[in-house]
Amino acid sequence: MTRTTLVFGKLLTEPGEDWGVSVSYLTYGLTVVFLGLYIFGTFEYADQYSSVLPAVEFGLAVFFLFEYISRIDYADDTWAELRSPYAIADLLAVIPALLIFIFPAAGQLAVLRSVQILRVFRFLRLGLENRRVFDYSLTARQVVVAEAMTAIAVIVNLHAGIVYELEKGVNPQFQNFADAFYYSIVALTTTGFGNVVPQTRLGQTVTSVGLILAITIIPWIVFRGRKGKIRGNSCPRCRSEGHKTEANYCYECGEDLSTEEFSISIED
C-alpha cells in the first residue's frame, strides 16, 4: 500500500534488528494497556473516566489496525496472512473499541466488548512464527508450553469477559471483571465452590461451552506437542534404529536420547 506500512510490517515480521525489537516491545506494552483499560473500565471507580477511556481505547485500536494493515501489506502471501488465526484475532480484538467510540450504543452488545480479550494472542504470535521472543530462541518444548499457557489465558479471560457482560446488572455476584475472572478459574478448573454462579441462561450456556473447550483444547495442545517430537533415525552412539517416540534411552547401548540435539521437530 505505502512505504510506511511496508517498513512497519518488516519491523513487526523481522524483529531481529534494534528497531524491530523496540517496535515489538512497544506493541506488547500497548497491548497490556489495551487489555488493562477494558478490565479497569468494569470497576465502579472507572466511571469518573467514562469520557476518556473510550477515546484512549480508540487511539490504541487505530494503532493496532495500522499494525494489522502493515502485516498484510508486507506479507509475501496476502491471502494466507488474512486467513491466519492470529490476524483474524488481531482484527476482531480492535473492532469493539472502534465501533464503541463511533457508535456508543454498540457497547450494549455483551459479546462485543469481551472480544477485546483476543488481543492476548499478540503475546504468542512472535514466539510461534519465529521461534524467538526478541533475542531469545525458543525450543520446541517451550513453544508447546507457550501455546498451552496462551490457550489457558485466552479461554479463561474470554470466558470471564463474556460472562461478566451477560451477568452484570442482573447478577449482584458479578460486580466487575475480577468477580467474573474468579468465577472462570473456579468453573473451568472444575473446582466448583458454588459461591458464585451465573443466573442467566446465556451465562450458563457460555460456562458450559467454556468447560468443554478447557477440557479438550489444552490436553490436545500438549498431546500434539508431545506427538510432534520424535527421535532421530538412529542412536548417535551405536547407530541402532527403531526407537519409539517416548524412548529416553537407546535400546541397544543405553545412550541418553532425551537431549535436544538427538531429537528433531516435526511441523504440523
C-alpha atoms as a PDB file:
ATOM      1  CA  MET A   1       0.000   0.000   0.000  1.00  0.00           C
ATOM      2  CA  THR A   2       2.537   2.597   1.174  1.00  0.00           C
ATOM      3  CA  ARG A   3       6.206   2.644   2.078  1.00  0.00           C
ATOM      4  CA  THR A   4       5.233   3.351   5.704  1.00  0.00           C
ATOM      5  CA  THR A   5       3.192   0.157   6.078  1.00  0.00           C
ATOM      6  CA  LEU A   6       5.907  -1.858   4.317  1.00  0.00           C
ATOM      7  CA  VAL A   7       8.628  -0.577   6.653  1.00  0.00           C
ATOM      8  CA  PHE A   8       6.490  -1.065   9.748  1.00  0.00           C
ATOM      9  CA  GLY A   9       5.420  -4.507   8.562  1.00  0.00           C
ATOM     10  CA  LYS A  10       9.076  -5.522   8.137  1.00  0.00           C
ATOM     11  CA  LEU A  11       9.890  -4.372  11.687  1.00  0.00           C
ATOM     12  CA  LEU A  12       6.986  -6.431  13.015  1.00  0.00           C
ATOM     13  CA  THR A  13       7.746  -9.539  10.983  1.00  0.00           C
ATOM     14  CA  GLU A  14      11.540  -9.483  11.232  1.00  0.00           C
ATOM     15  CA  PRO A  15      12.315  -8.133  14.722  1.00  0.00           C
ATOM     16  CA  GLY A  16      15.996  -9.085  14.605  1.00  0.00           C
ATOM     17  CA  GLU A  17      17.320  -5.541  14.415  1.00  0.00           C
ATOM     18  CA  ASP A  18      17.295  -2.951  17.214  1.00  0.00           C
ATOM     19  CA  TRP A  19      14.362  -1.022  15.770  1.00  0.00           C
ATOM     20  CA  GLY A  20      12.406  -4.237  15.302  1.00  0.00           C
ATOM     21  CA  VAL A  21      12.938  -5.227  18.941  1.00  0.00           C
ATOM     22  CA  SER A  22      11.860  -1.744  20.059  1.00  0.00           C
ATOM     23  CA  VAL A  23       8.691  -1.952  17.967  1.00  0.00           C
ATOM     24  CA  SER A  24       7.941  -5.388  19.430  1.00  0.00           C
ATOM     25  CA  TYR A  25       8.347  -4.065  22.968  1.00  0.00           C
ATOM     26  CA  LEU A  26       6.102  -1.126  22.081  1.00  0.00           C
ATOM     27  CA  THR A  27       3.308  -3.303  20.691  1.00  0.00           C
ATOM     28  CA  TYR A  28       3.490  -5.656  23.687  1.00  0.00           C
ATOM     29  CA  GLY A  29       3.344  -2.723  26.099  1.00  0.00           C
ATOM     30  CA  LEU A  30       0.395  -1.126  24.304  1.00  0.00           C
ATOM     31  CA  THR A  31      -1.367  -4.498  24.264  1.00  0.00           C
ATOM     32  CA  VAL A  32      -1.087  -4.686  28.058  1.00  0.00           C
ATOM     33  CA  VAL A  33      -2.513  -1.153  28.302  1.00  0.00           C
ATOM     34  CA  PHE A  34      -5.313  -2.000  25.872  1.00  0.00           C
ATOM     35  CA  LEU A  35      -6.378  -5.070  27.837  1.00  0.00           C
ATOM     36  CA  GLY A  36      -5.907  -3.260  31.139  1.00  0.00           C
ATOM     37  CA  LEU A  37      -8.212  -0.428  30.093  1.00  0.00           C
ATOM     38  CA  TYR A  38     -11.010  -2.877  29.322  1.00  0.00           C
ATOM     39  CA  ILE A  39     -10.628  -4.569  32.729  1.00  0.00           C
ATOM     40  CA  PHE A  40     -10.264  -1.223  34.536  1.00  0.00           C
ATOM     41  CA  GLY A  41     -13.459   0.025  32.892  1.00  0.00           C
ATOM     42  CA  THR A  42     -15.524  -2.690  34.603  1.00  0.00           C
ATOM     43  CA  PHE A  43     -14.885  -1.255  38.100  1.00  0.00           C
ATOM     44  CA  GLU A  44     -17.071   1.458  39.667  1.00  0.00           C
ATOM     45  CA  TYR A  45     -14.227   3.912  40.194  1.00  0.00           C
ATOM     46  CA  ALA A  46     -13.696   3.982  36.430  1.00  0.00           C
ATOM     47  CA  ASP A  47     -16.996   5.850  35.973  1.00  0.00           C
ATOM     48  CA  GLN A  48     -15.262   9.196  36.507  1.00  0.00           C
ATOM     49  CA  TYR A  49     -13.132   8.461  33.441  1.00  0.00           C
ATOM     50  CA  SER A  50     -16.017   7.295  31.280  1.00  0.00           C
ATOM     51  CA  SER A  51     -15.493  10.135  28.795  1.00  0.00           C
ATOM     52  CA  VAL A  52     -11.754   9.486  28.464  1.00  0.00           C
ATOM     53  CA  LEU A  53     -11.429   5.698  28.357  1.00  0.00           C
ATOM     54  CA  PRO A  54     -13.265   5.158  25.019  1.00  0.00           C
ATOM     55  CA  ALA A  55     -11.061   7.781  23.351  1.00  0.00           C
ATOM     56  CA  VAL A  56      -7.841   6.179  24.634  1.00  0.00           C
ATOM     57  CA  GLU A  57      -9.040   2.716  23.600  1.00  0.00           C
ATOM     58  CA  PHE A  58      -9.980   4.115  20.188  1.00  0.00           C
ATOM     59  CA  GLY A  59      -6.485   5.567  19.731  1.00  0.00           C
ATOM     60  CA  LEU A  60      -4.880   2.236  20.633  1.00  0.00           C
ATOM     61  CA  ALA A  61      -7.287   0.391  18.339  1.00  0.00           C
ATOM     62  CA  VAL A  62      -6.307   2.677  15.436  1.00  0.00           C
ATOM     63  CA  PHE A  63      -2.630   1.894  16.100  1.00  0.00           C
ATOM     64  CA  PHE A  64      -3.346  -1.857  16.177  1.00  0.00           C
ATOM     65  CA  LEU A  65      -5.379  -1.546  12.985  1.00  0.00           C
ATOM     66  CA  PHE A  66      -2.372   0.113  11.340  1.00  0.00           C
ATOM     67  CA  GLU A  67      -0.235  -2.762  12.627  1.00  0.00           C
ATOM     68  CA  TYR A  68      -2.706  -5.251  11.112  1.00  0.00           C
ATOM     69  CA  ILE A  69      -2.661  -3.474   7.724  1.00  0.00           C
ATOM     70  CA  SER A  70       1.149  -3.299   7.795  1.00  0.00           C
ATOM     71  CA  ARG A  71       1.432  -7.053   8.335  1.00  0.00           C
ATOM     72  CA  ILE A  72      -0.980  -7.714   5.482  1.00  0.00           C
ATOM     73  CA  ASP A  73       0.881  -5.308   3.200  1.00  0.00           C
ATOM     74  CA  TYR A  74       4.311  -6.798   3.952  1.00  0.00           C
ATOM     75  CA  ALA A  75       3.284 -10.453   3.808  1.00  0.00           C
ATOM     76  CA  ASP A  76       4.561 -12.488   0.854  1.00  0.00           C
ATOM     77  CA  ASP A  77       1.183 -14.232   0.632  1.00  0.00           C
ATOM     78  CA  THR A  78      -1.518 -11.686   1.458  1.00  0.00           C
ATOM     79  CA  TRP A  79      -4.352 -14.215   1.356  1.00  0.00           C
ATOM     80  CA  ALA A  80      -2.544 -16.604   3.684  1.00  0.00           C
ATOM     81  CA  GLU A  81      -1.900 -13.757   6.129  1.00  0.00           C
ATOM     82  CA  LEU A  82      -5.553 -12.697   6.015  1.00  0.00           C
ATOM     83  CA  ARG A  83      -6.608 -16.267   6.880  1.00  0.00           C
ATOM     84  CA  SER A  84      -4.093 -16.583   9.707  1.00  0.00           C
ATOM     85  CA  PRO A  85      -5.860 -17.143  13.066  1.00  0.00           C
ATOM     86  CA  TYR A  86      -3.554 -14.544  14.620  1.00  0.00           C
ATOM     87  CA  ALA A  87      -4.504 -11.933  12.014  1.00  0.00           C
ATOM     88  CA  ILE A  88      -8.189 -12.715  12.481  1.00  0.00           C
ATOM     89  CA  ALA A  89      -7.827 -12.422  16.270  1.00  0.00           C
ATOM     90  CA  ASP A  90      -5.968  -9.094  15.871  1.00  0.00           C
ATOM     91  CA  LEU A  91      -8.760  -7.660  13.739  1.00  0.00           C
ATOM     92  CA  LEU A  92     -11.614  -8.929  15.914  1.00  0.00           C
ATOM     93  CA  ALA A  93      -9.928  -7.572  19.051  1.00  0.00           C
ATOM     94  CA  VAL A  94      -9.861  -3.957  17.827  1.00  0.00           C
ATOM     95  CA  ILE A  95     -13.303  -3.818  16.192  1.00  0.00           C
ATOM     96  CA  PRO A  96     -15.180  -3.273  19.519  1.00  0.00           C
ATOM     97  CA  ALA A  97     -13.101  -0.231  20.519  1.00  0.00           C
ATOM     98  CA  LEU A  98     -13.536   1.286  17.067  1.00  0.00           C
ATOM     99  CA  LEU A  99     -17.300   0.690  16.959  1.00  0.00           C
ATOM    100  CA  ILE A 100     -17.987   1.801  20.530  1.00  0.00           C
ATOM    101  CA  PHE A 101     -16.189   5.119  20.010  1.00  0.00           C
ATOM    102  CA  ILE A 102     -18.087   5.831  16.775  1.00  0.00           C
ATOM    103  CA  PHE A 103     -21.398   4.251  17.876  1.00  0.00           C
ATOM    104  CA  PRO A 104     -21.559   4.291  21.724  1.00  0.00           C
ATOM    105  CA  ALA A 105     -24.737   2.194  21.659  1.00  0.00           C
ATOM    106  CA  ALA A 106     -22.668  -0.725  20.378  1.00  0.00           C
ATOM    107  CA  GLY A 107     -21.251  -1.029  23.900  1.00  0.00           C
ATOM    108  CA  GLN A 108     -24.520  -2.618  24.969  1.00  0.00           C
ATOM    109  CA  LEU A 109     -23.650  -5.747  22.990  1.00  0.00           C
ATOM    110  CA  ALA A 110     -22.263  -8.073  25.652  1.00  0.00           C
ATOM    111  CA  VAL A 111     -20.088 -10.274  23.463  1.00  0.00           C
ATOM    112  CA  LEU A 112     -18.649  -7.305  21.539  1.00  0.00           C
ATOM    113  CA  ARG A 113     -16.748  -5.825  24.492  1.00  0.00           C
ATOM    114  CA  SER A 114     -15.367  -9.129  25.710  1.00  0.00           C
ATOM    115  CA  VAL A 115     -13.847  -9.907  22.294  1.00  0.00           C
ATOM    116  CA  GLN A 116     -11.086  -7.378  23.060  1.00  0.00           C
ATOM    117  CA  ILE A 117      -9.501 -10.118  25.187  1.00  0.00           C
ATOM    118  CA  LEU A 118      -8.435 -11.819  21.932  1.00  0.00           C
ATOM    119  CA  ARG A 119      -5.638  -9.264  21.754  1.00  0.00           C
ATOM    120  CA  VAL A 120      -3.748 -11.553  24.149  1.00  0.00           C
ATOM    121  CA  PHE A 121      -2.797 -13.607  21.077  1.00  0.00           C
ATOM    122  CA  ARG A 122      -0.203 -10.901  20.379  1.00  0.00           C
ATOM    123  CA  PHE A 123       1.955 -12.424  23.131  1.00  0.00           C
ATOM    124  CA  LEU A 124       2.031 -15.740  21.284  1.00  0.00           C
ATOM    125  CA  ARG A 125       2.396 -14.804  17.635  1.00  0.00           C
ATOM    126  CA  LEU A 126       6.017 -13.684  17.607  1.00  0.00           C
ATOM    127  CA  GLY A 127       7.220 -16.720  19.506  1.00  0.00           C
ATOM    128  CA  LEU A 128       5.438 -19.270  17.314  1.00  0.00           C
ATOM    129  CA  GLU A 129       6.161 -17.687  13.950  1.00  0.00           C
ATOM    130  CA  ASN A 130       9.878 -17.136  14.508  1.00  0.00           C
ATOM    131  CA  ARG A 131      10.500 -19.462  17.475  1.00  0.00           C
ATOM    132  CA  ARG A 132      12.014 -16.436  19.189  1.00  0.00           C
ATOM    133  CA  VAL A 133      10.971 -13.895  21.806  1.00  0.00           C
ATOM    134  CA  PHE A 134      13.064 -10.854  20.973  1.00  0.00           C
ATOM    135  CA  ASP A 135      16.683 -12.169  21.167  1.00  0.00           C
ATOM    136  CA  TYR A 136      15.805 -15.395  22.972  1.00  0.00           C
ATOM    137  CA  SER A 137      15.432 -18.582  20.918  1.00  0.00           C
ATOM    138  CA  LEU A 138      12.630 -20.958  21.899  1.00  0.00           C
ATOM    139  CA  THR A 139      12.992 -24.722  21.954  1.00  0.00           C
ATOM    140  CA  ALA A 140      10.202 -26.940  20.635  1.00  0.00           C
ATOM    141  CA  ARG A 141       9.160 -27.713  24.214  1.00  0.00           C
ATOM    142  CA  GLN A 142       8.996 -24.007  25.121  1.00  0.00           C
ATOM    143  CA  VAL A 143       6.792 -23.338  22.086  1.00  0.00           C
ATOM    144  CA  VAL A 144       4.343 -26.017  23.270  1.00  0.00           C
ATOM    145  CA  VAL A 145       4.332 -24.508  26.769  1.00  0.00           C
ATOM    146  CA  ALA A 146       3.710 -21.047  25.261  1.00  0.00           C
ATOM    147  CA  GLU A 147       0.805 -22.412  23.226  1.00  0.00           C
ATOM    148  CA  ALA A 148      -0.747 -24.093  26.248  1.00  0.00           C
ATOM    149  CA  MET A 149      -0.350 -21.064  28.532  1.00  0.00           C
ATOM    150  CA  THR A 150      -1.768 -18.707  25.918  1.00  0.00           C
ATOM    151  CA  ALA A 151      -4.723 -21.031  25.261  1.00  0.00           C
ATOM    152  CA  ILE A 152      -5.462 -21.095  29.005  1.00  0.00           C
ATOM    153  CA  ALA A 153      -5.205 -17.300  29.215  1.00  0.00           C
ATOM    154  CA  VAL A 154      -7.486 -16.783  26.215  1.00  0.00           C
ATOM    155  CA  ILE A 155     -10.141 -19.289  27.344  1.00  0.00           C
ATOM    156  CA  VAL A 156     -10.249 -18.051  30.952  1.00  0.00           C
ATOM    157  CA  ASN A 157     -10.196 -14.328  30.128  1.00  0.00           C
ATOM    158  CA  LEU A 158     -12.589 -14.552  27.188  1.00  0.00           C
ATOM    159  CA  HIS A 159     -14.977 -16.667  29.262  1.00  0.00           C
ATOM    160  CA  ALA A 160     -14.741 -14.184  32.139  1.00  0.00           C
ATOM    161  CA  GLY A 161     -15.382 -11.227  29.840  1.00  0.00           C
ATOM    162  CA  ILE A 162     -18.433 -12.770  28.183  1.00  0.00           C
ATOM    163  CA  VAL A 163     -19.929 -13.985  31.465  1.00  0.00           C
ATOM    164  CA  TYR A 164     -19.379 -10.584  33.067  1.00  0.00           C
ATOM    165  CA  GLU A 165     -21.077  -8.749  30.195  1.00  0.00           C
ATOM    166  CA  LEU A 166     -24.029 -11.165  30.316  1.00  0.00           C
ATOM    167  CA  GLU A 167     -24.438 -11.134  34.097  1.00  0.00           C
ATOM    168  CA  LYS A 168     -23.733  -7.510  35.035  1.00  0.00           C
ATOM    169  CA  GLY A 169     -26.787  -5.589  36.151  1.00  0.00           C
ATOM    170  CA  VAL A 170     -28.665  -8.869  36.598  1.00  0.00           C
ATOM    171  CA  ASN A 171     -26.494 -10.877  38.960  1.00  0.00           C
ATOM    172  CA  PRO A 172     -25.120  -8.991  42.020  1.00  0.00           C
ATOM    173  CA  GLN A 173     -22.325 -11.558  42.298  1.00  0.00           C
ATOM    174  CA  PHE A 174     -20.698 -10.135  39.161  1.00  0.00           C
ATOM    175  CA  GLN A 175     -19.778  -6.549  40.024  1.00  0.00           C
ATOM    176  CA  ASN A 176     -16.628  -6.319  37.896  1.00  0.00           C
ATOM    177  CA  PHE A 177     -14.206  -8.307  35.776  1.00  0.00           C
ATOM    178  CA  ALA A 178     -12.364  -9.575  38.865  1.00  0.00           C
ATOM    179  CA  ASP A 179     -15.521 -11.343  40.077  1.00  0.00           C
ATOM    180  CA  ALA A 180     -16.003 -12.943  36.662  1.00  0.00           C
ATOM    181  CA  PHE A 181     -12.340 -13.947  36.455  1.00  0.00           C
ATOM    182  CA  TYR A 182     -12.530 -15.652  39.853  1.00  0.00           C
ATOM    183  CA  TYR A 183     -15.660 -17.489  38.736  1.00  0.00           C
ATOM    184  CA  SER A 184     -13.980 -18.575  35.483  1.00  0.00           C
ATOM    185  CA  ILE A 185     -10.991 -20.025  37.324  1.00  0.00           C
ATOM    186  CA  VAL A 186     -13.236 -21.939  39.723  1.00  0.00           C
ATOM    187  CA  ALA A 187     -15.573 -23.147  36.983  1.00  0.00           C
ATOM    188  CA  LEU A 188     -13.090 -24.040  34.245  1.00  0.00           C
ATOM    189  CA  THR A 189     -10.775 -25.899  36.604  1.00  0.00           C
ATOM    190  CA  THR A 190     -13.869 -27.892  37.686  1.00  0.00           C
ATOM    191  CA  THR A 191     -13.259 -26.880  41.321  1.00  0.00           C
ATOM    192  CA  GLY A 192     -16.870 -25.748  41.672  1.00  0.00           C
ATOM    193  CA  PHE A 193     -17.097 -23.963  45.038  1.00  0.00           C
ATOM    194  CA  GLY A 194     -20.616 -22.846  44.151  1.00  0.00           C
ATOM    195  CA  ASN A 195     -20.316 -19.459  45.895  1.00  0.00           C
ATOM    196  CA  VAL A 196     -20.564 -17.602  42.568  1.00  0.00           C
ATOM    197  CA  VAL A 197     -22.874 -18.871  39.821  1.00  0.00           C
ATOM    198  CA  PRO A 198     -24.413 -17.363  36.675  1.00  0.00           C
ATOM    199  CA  GLN A 199     -28.141 -16.661  36.779  1.00  0.00           C
ATOM    200  CA  THR A 200     -28.879 -16.023  33.114  1.00  0.00           C
ATOM    201  CA  ARG A 201     -29.405 -18.788  30.593  1.00  0.00           C
ATOM    202  CA  LEU A 202     -26.780 -17.290  28.315  1.00  0.00           C
ATOM    203  CA  GLY A 203     -24.274 -17.136  31.165  1.00  0.00           C
ATOM    204  CA  GLN A 204     -24.876 -20.798  31.949  1.00  0.00           C
ATOM    205  CA  THR A 205     -24.518 -21.697  28.265  1.00  0.00           C
ATOM    206  CA  VAL A 206     -21.220 -19.816  27.972  1.00  0.00           C
ATOM    207  CA  THR A 207     -19.927 -21.645  31.050  1.00  0.00           C
ATOM    208  CA  SER A 208     -20.851 -24.997  29.512  1.00  0.00           C
ATOM    209  CA  VAL A 209     -19.036 -24.147  26.282  1.00  0.00           C
ATOM    210  CA  GLY A 210     -16.037 -22.860  28.237  1.00  0.00           C
ATOM    211  CA  LEU A 211     -15.795 -26.098  30.205  1.00  0.00           C
ATOM    212  CA  ILE A 212     -15.824 -28.168  27.020  1.00  0.00           C
ATOM    213  CA  LEU A 213     -13.091 -26.009  25.487  1.00  0.00           C
ATOM    214  CA  ALA A 214     -10.961 -26.134  28.630  1.00  0.00           C
ATOM    215  CA  ILE A 215     -11.016 -29.922  28.930  1.00  0.00           C
ATOM    216  CA  THR A 216     -10.397 -30.556  25.223  1.00  0.00           C
ATOM    217  CA  ILE A 217      -8.154 -27.853  23.759  1.00  0.00           C
ATOM    218  CA  ILE A 218      -5.464 -27.758  26.463  1.00  0.00           C
ATOM    219  CA  PRO A 219      -4.834 -31.547  26.509  1.00  0.00           C
ATOM    220  CA  TRP A 220      -4.891 -31.569  22.701  1.00  0.00           C
ATOM    221  CA  ILE A 221      -2.159 -28.891  22.529  1.00  0.00           C
ATOM    222  CA  VAL A 222       0.023 -30.809  24.976  1.00  0.00           C
ATOM    223  CA  PHE A 223      -0.568 -34.108  23.138  1.00  0.00           C
ATOM    224  CA  ARG A 224       0.202 -32.535  19.765  1.00  0.00           C
ATOM    225  CA  GLY A 225       3.448 -31.123  21.117  1.00  0.00           C
ATOM    226  CA  ARG A 226       4.464 -34.493  22.532  1.00  0.00           C
ATOM    227  CA  LYS A 227       3.459 -36.363  19.399  1.00  0.00           C
ATOM    228  CA  GLY A 228       5.168 -33.855  17.125  1.00  0.00           C
ATOM    229  CA  LYS A 229       8.599 -34.635  18.606  1.00  0.00           C
ATOM    230  CA  ILE A 230      10.271 -37.828  17.514  1.00  0.00           C
ATOM    231  CA  ARG A 231      13.679 -39.388  17.939  1.00  0.00           C
ATOM    232  CA  GLY A 232      16.240 -39.350  15.166  1.00  0.00           C
ATOM    233  CA  ASN A 233      16.506 -42.338  12.867  1.00  0.00           C
ATOM    234  CA  SER A 234      19.488 -43.805  14.692  1.00  0.00           C
ATOM    235  CA  CYS A 235      21.311 -43.706  18.024  1.00  0.00           C
ATOM    236  CA  PRO A 236      24.248 -41.256  17.797  1.00  0.00           C
ATOM    237  CA  ARG A 237      26.446 -43.786  19.612  1.00  0.00           C
ATOM    238  CA  CYS A 238      25.723 -47.266  18.223  1.00  0.00           C
ATOM    239  CA  ARG A 239      23.558 -46.239  15.217  1.00  0.00           C
ATOM    240  CA  SER A 240      20.755 -48.662  16.117  1.00  0.00           C
ATOM    241  CA  GLU A 241      17.337 -47.683  14.752  1.00  0.00           C
ATOM    242  CA  GLY A 242      13.634 -48.134  15.537  1.00  0.00           C
ATOM    243  CA  HIS A 243      13.344 -46.164  18.788  1.00  0.00           C
ATOM    244  CA  LYS A 244       9.835 -45.159  19.893  1.00  0.00           C
ATOM    245  CA  THR A 245       8.814 -41.541  20.329  1.00  0.00           C
ATOM    246  CA  GLU A 246       8.809 -41.752  24.131  1.00  0.00           C
ATOM    247  CA  ALA A 247      12.134 -43.618  24.372  1.00  0.00           C
ATOM    248  CA  ASN A 248      14.660 -41.809  26.589  1.00  0.00           C
ATOM    249  CA  TYR A 249      17.491 -44.301  26.154  1.00  0.00           C
ATOM    250  CA  CYS A 250      18.834 -46.415  23.308  1.00  0.00           C
ATOM    251  CA  TYR A 251      17.534 -49.981  23.344  1.00  0.00           C
ATOM    252  CA  GLU A 252      20.984 -51.378  22.427  1.00  0.00           C
ATOM    253  CA  CYS A 253      23.640 -49.354  24.244  1.00  0.00           C
ATOM    254  CA  GLY A 254      21.676 -47.238  26.743  1.00  0.00           C
ATOM    255  CA  GLU A 255      22.726 -43.871  25.256  1.00  0.00           C
ATOM    256  CA  ASP A 256      20.657 -40.919  26.527  1.00  0.00           C
ATOM    257  CA  LEU A 257      18.292 -39.883  23.701  1.00  0.00           C
ATOM    258  CA  SER A 258      16.337 -37.241  25.647  1.00  0.00           C
ATOM    259  CA  THR A 259      18.637 -34.275  24.928  1.00  0.00           C
ATOM    260  CA  GLU A 260      17.612 -31.689  22.366  1.00  0.00           C
ATOM    261  CA  GLU A 261      20.466 -32.400  19.948  1.00  0.00           C
ATOM    262  CA  PHE A 262      19.331 -36.015  19.470  1.00  0.00           C
ATOM    263  CA  SER A 263      15.769 -35.009  18.537  1.00  0.00           C
ATOM    264  CA  ILE A 264      14.137 -33.433  15.548  1.00  0.00           C
ATOM    265  CA  SER A 265      10.980 -31.367  15.443  1.00  0.00           C
ATOM    266  CA  ILE A 266       8.172 -32.076  13.005  1.00  0.00           C
ATOM    267  CA  GLU A 267       5.968 -29.215  11.965  1.00  0.00           C
ATOM    268  CA  ASP A 268       2.257 -29.989  11.762  1.00  0.00           C
END
